[in-house]
Amino acid sequence: MRLQMQAIHFDADPKLLNFIQQKLDKLDTFYDRITSGEVFLKLDKSENAKTQTKLLEVKLYVPGGTMFVREQGTTFEEATDLAIDTLKMQVKKFKDKRNNARAAKITEAAAVVLTEETEE
């Protein structure tokens, strides 16, 4: 899958980008028609907080739709793991919905053929 990654207002470590790419590539095992994606890495700078919250946004493109998730954590790795869990559910749900729609069309077409055959 082709991913475009952008770190907003900071330079991301290549090891981090590689980690995110490897994690997102595993989504292909659930649905192999993911065409591309965008990843945005942001630092949430709260004035009162001593540590910065890491924010990760992922948008995946599939034929007929897109999937989006926004997760935050104390590290980008943690946010990535949370995002992957959410995306797995979204991908499975999308695939099931697509397969159910396809099965309904096939059943409908078979019913039409049977109706035509019995009318003859």
C-alpha atoms as a PDB file:
ATOM      1  CA  MET A   1       0.000   0.000   0.000  1.00  0.00           C
ATOM      2  CA  ARG A   2       1.227   3.454  -0.866  1.00  0.00           C
ATOM      3  CA  LEU A   3       1.376   5.726   2.162  1.00  0.00           C
ATOM      4  CA  GLN A   4       2.068   9.422   2.312  1.00  0.00           C
ATOM      5  CA  MET A   5       3.332  10.453   5.754  1.00  0.00           C
ATOM      6  CA  GLN A   6       3.607  13.983   7.068  1.00  0.00           C
ATOM      7  CA  ALA A   7       4.986  15.137  10.387  1.00  0.00           C
ATOM      8  CA  ILE A   8       3.390  18.495  11.185  1.00  0.00           C
ATOM      9  CA  HIS A   9       5.857  21.095  12.576  1.00  0.00           C
ATOM     10  CA  PHE A  10       8.619  18.592  13.400  1.00  0.00           C
ATOM     11  CA  ASP A  11      10.932  16.102  11.705  1.00  0.00           C
ATOM     12  CA  ALA A  12       9.922  12.485  12.274  1.00  0.00           C
ATOM     13  CA  ASP A  13      12.582   9.850  12.780  1.00  0.00           C
ATOM     14  CA  PRO A  14      12.866   7.452   9.798  1.00  0.00           C
ATOM     15  CA  LYS A  15      12.604   4.520  12.249  1.00  0.00           C
ATOM     16  CA  LEU A  16       9.205   5.819  13.393  1.00  0.00           C
ATOM     17  CA  LEU A  17       7.977   6.225   9.819  1.00  0.00           C
ATOM     18  CA  ASN A  18       9.169   2.700   9.008  1.00  0.00           C
ATOM     19  CA  PHE A  19       7.376   1.352  12.124  1.00  0.00           C
ATOM     20  CA  ILE A  20       4.102   3.001  11.065  1.00  0.00           C
ATOM     21  CA  GLN A  21       4.465   1.738   7.479  1.00  0.00           C
ATOM     22  CA  GLN A  22       5.056  -1.847   8.661  1.00  0.00           C
ATOM     23  CA  LYS A  23       2.052  -1.748  11.000  1.00  0.00           C
ATOM     24  CA  LEU A  24      -0.271  -0.357   8.331  1.00  0.00           C
ATOM     25  CA  ASP A  25       0.973  -2.868   5.746  1.00  0.00           C
ATOM     26  CA  LYS A  26      -0.420  -5.624   7.982  1.00  0.00           C
ATOM     27  CA  LEU A  27      -3.940  -4.350   7.276  1.00  0.00           C
ATOM     28  CA  ASP A  28      -3.589  -5.945   3.830  1.00  0.00           C
ATOM     29  CA  THR A  29      -4.142  -9.327   5.509  1.00  0.00           C
ATOM     30  CA  PHE A  30      -7.691  -8.223   6.382  1.00  0.00           C
ATOM     31  CA  TYR A  31      -8.523  -6.477   3.109  1.00  0.00           C
ATOM     32  CA  ASP A  32      -6.160  -6.498   0.154  1.00  0.00           C
ATOM     33  CA  ARG A  33      -7.898  -3.753  -1.829  1.00  0.00           C
ATOM     34  CA  ILE A  34      -6.577  -0.805   0.198  1.00  0.00           C
ATOM     35  CA  THR A  35      -5.138   1.422  -2.500  1.00  0.00           C
ATOM     36  CA  SER A  36      -3.337   4.159  -0.556  1.00  0.00           C
ATOM     37  CA  GLY A  37      -3.327   6.181   2.612  1.00  0.00           C
ATOM     38  CA  GLU A  38      -2.255   9.335   4.370  1.00  0.00           C
ATOM     39  CA  VAL A  39      -0.702   9.566   7.829  1.00  0.00           C
ATOM     40  CA  PHE A  40      -0.379  12.791   9.813  1.00  0.00           C
ATOM     41  CA  LEU A  41       1.776  13.016  12.927  1.00  0.00           C
ATOM     42  CA  LYS A  42       1.175  15.931  15.271  1.00  0.00           C
ATOM     43  CA  LEU A  43       2.396  17.071  18.678  1.00  0.00           C
ATOM     44  CA  ASP A  44      -0.358  18.332  20.963  1.00  0.00           C
ATOM     45  CA  LYS A  45       1.277  21.064  23.037  1.00  0.00           C
ATOM     46  CA  SER A  46      -0.926  21.710  26.043  1.00  0.00           C
ATOM     47  CA  GLU A  47       0.253  24.625  28.126  1.00  0.00           C
ATOM     48  CA  ASN A  48      -0.231  22.858  31.468  1.00  0.00           C
ATOM     49  CA  ALA A  49       1.076  19.422  30.476  1.00  0.00           C
ATOM     50  CA  LYS A  50       4.708  18.553  31.087  1.00  0.00           C
ATOM     51  CA  THR A  51       4.698  15.965  28.300  1.00  0.00           C
ATOM     52  CA  GLN A  52       3.410  16.372  24.794  1.00  0.00           C
ATOM     53  CA  THR A  53       0.572  14.162  23.639  1.00  0.00           C
ATOM     54  CA  LYS A  54       1.273  12.503  20.307  1.00  0.00           C
ATOM     55  CA  LEU A  55      -1.573  12.599  17.795  1.00  0.00           C
ATOM     56  CA  LEU A  56      -1.788  10.247  14.811  1.00  0.00           C
ATOM     57  CA  GLU A  57      -4.345  10.545  12.027  1.00  0.00           C
ATOM     58  CA  VAL A  58      -4.715   7.904   9.331  1.00  0.00           C
ATOM     59  CA  LYS A  59      -6.903   8.030   6.236  1.00  0.00           C
ATOM     60  CA  LEU A  60      -7.109   4.887   4.082  1.00  0.00           C
ATOM     61  CA  TYR A  61      -8.526   4.804   0.580  1.00  0.00           C
ATOM     62  CA  VAL A  62     -10.381   1.756  -0.720  1.00  0.00           C
ATOM     63  CA  PRO A  63     -12.499   1.346  -3.848  1.00  0.00           C
ATOM     64  CA  GLY A  64     -15.853   2.845  -2.941  1.00  0.00           C
ATOM     65  CA  GLY A  65     -14.855   4.603   0.253  1.00  0.00           C
ATOM     66  CA  THR A  66     -12.372   5.900   2.799  1.00  0.00           C
ATOM     67  CA  MET A  67     -11.608   5.057   6.401  1.00  0.00           C
ATOM     68  CA  PHE A  68     -10.355   7.552   8.952  1.00  0.00           C
ATOM     69  CA  VAL A  69      -9.040   7.241  12.478  1.00  0.00           C
ATOM     70  CA  ARG A  70      -7.522   9.725  14.926  1.00  0.00           C
ATOM     71  CA  GLU A  71      -5.713   8.393  17.995  1.00  0.00           C
ATOM     72  CA  GLN A  72      -3.481   9.910  20.651  1.00  0.00           C
ATOM     73  CA  GLY A  73      -0.982   8.485  23.084  1.00  0.00           C
ATOM     74  CA  THR A  74       2.124   9.247  25.082  1.00  0.00           C
ATOM     75  CA  THR A  75       4.210   7.965  22.138  1.00  0.00           C
ATOM     76  CA  PHE A  76       3.558   7.735  18.414  1.00  0.00           C
ATOM     77  CA  GLU A  77       4.035   3.960  18.669  1.00  0.00           C
ATOM     78  CA  GLU A  78       1.215   3.746  21.221  1.00  0.00           C
ATOM     79  CA  ALA A  79      -1.035   5.923  19.067  1.00  0.00           C
ATOM     80  CA  THR A  80      -0.179   3.757  16.042  1.00  0.00           C
ATOM     81  CA  ASP A  81      -1.144   0.555  17.870  1.00  0.00           C
ATOM     82  CA  LEU A  82      -4.472   2.102  18.927  1.00  0.00           C
ATOM     83  CA  ALA A  83      -5.108   3.303  15.375  1.00  0.00           C
ATOM     84  CA  ILE A  84      -4.336  -0.143  13.940  1.00  0.00           C
ATOM     85  CA  ASP A  85      -6.844  -1.775  16.295  1.00  0.00           C
ATOM     86  CA  THR A  86      -9.544   0.686  15.238  1.00  0.00           C
ATOM     87  CA  LEU A  87      -8.689   0.369  11.548  1.00  0.00           C
ATOM     88  CA  LYS A  88      -8.831  -3.449  11.750  1.00  0.00           C
ATOM     89  CA  MET A  89     -12.434  -3.181  12.926  1.00  0.00           C
ATOM     90  CA  GLN A  90     -13.284  -0.607  10.256  1.00  0.00           C
ATOM     91  CA  VAL A  91     -11.674  -2.676   7.493  1.00  0.00           C
ATOM     92  CA  LYS A  92     -13.458  -5.871   8.578  1.00  0.00           C
ATOM     93  CA  LYS A  93     -16.796  -4.030   8.815  1.00  0.00           C
ATOM     94  CA  PHE A  94     -16.311  -2.449   5.377  1.00  0.00           C
ATOM     95  CA  LYS A  95     -15.361  -5.797   3.842  1.00  0.00           C
ATOM     96  CA  ASP A  96     -18.351  -7.572   5.423  1.00  0.00           C
ATOM     97  CA  LYS A  97     -20.730  -4.857   4.278  1.00  0.00           C
ATOM     98  CA  ARG A  98     -19.300  -5.040   0.761  1.00  0.00           C
ATOM     99  CA  ASN A  99     -19.517  -8.847   0.670  1.00  0.00           C
ATOM    100  CA  ASN A 100     -23.087  -8.813   2.008  1.00  0.00           C
ATOM    101  CA  ALA A 101     -24.123  -6.303  -0.661  1.00  0.00           C
ATOM    102  CA  ARG A 102     -22.488  -8.454  -3.340  1.00  0.00           C
ATOM    103  CA  ALA A 103     -24.202 -11.602  -2.004  1.00  0.00           C
ATOM    104  CA  ALA A 104     -27.566  -9.805  -2.011  1.00  0.00           C
ATOM    105  CA  LYS A 105     -27.074  -8.827  -5.678  1.00  0.00           C
ATOM    106  CA  ILE A 106     -26.170 -12.398  -6.614  1.00  0.00           C
ATOM    107  CA  THR A 107     -29.199 -13.768  -4.749  1.00  0.00           C
ATOM    108  CA  GLU A 108     -31.432 -11.186  -6.426  1.00  0.00           C
ATOM    109  CA  ALA A 109     -30.040 -12.076  -9.865  1.00  0.00           C
ATOM    110  CA  ALA A 110     -30.528 -15.794  -9.174  1.00  0.00           C
ATOM    111  CA  ALA A 111     -34.134 -15.138  -8.138  1.00  0.00           C
ATOM    112  CA  VAL A 112     -34.772 -13.264 -11.385  1.00  0.00           C
ATOM    113  CA  VAL A 113     -33.300 -16.141 -13.421  1.00  0.00           C
ATOM    114  CA  LEU A 114     -35.399 -18.691 -11.513  1.00  0.00           C
ATOM    115  CA  THR A 115     -38.525 -16.604 -12.039  1.00  0.00           C
ATOM    116  CA  GLU A 116     -37.821 -16.367 -15.773  1.00  0.00           C
ATOM    117  CA  GLU A 117     -37.215 -20.133 -15.991  1.00  0.00           C
ATOM    118  CA  THR A 118     -40.424 -21.031 -14.165  1.00  0.00           C
ATOM    119  CA  GLU A 119     -42.475 -18.683 -16.350  1.00  0.00           C
ATOM    120  CA  GLU A 120     -41.420 -20.501 -19.516  1.00  0.00           C
END
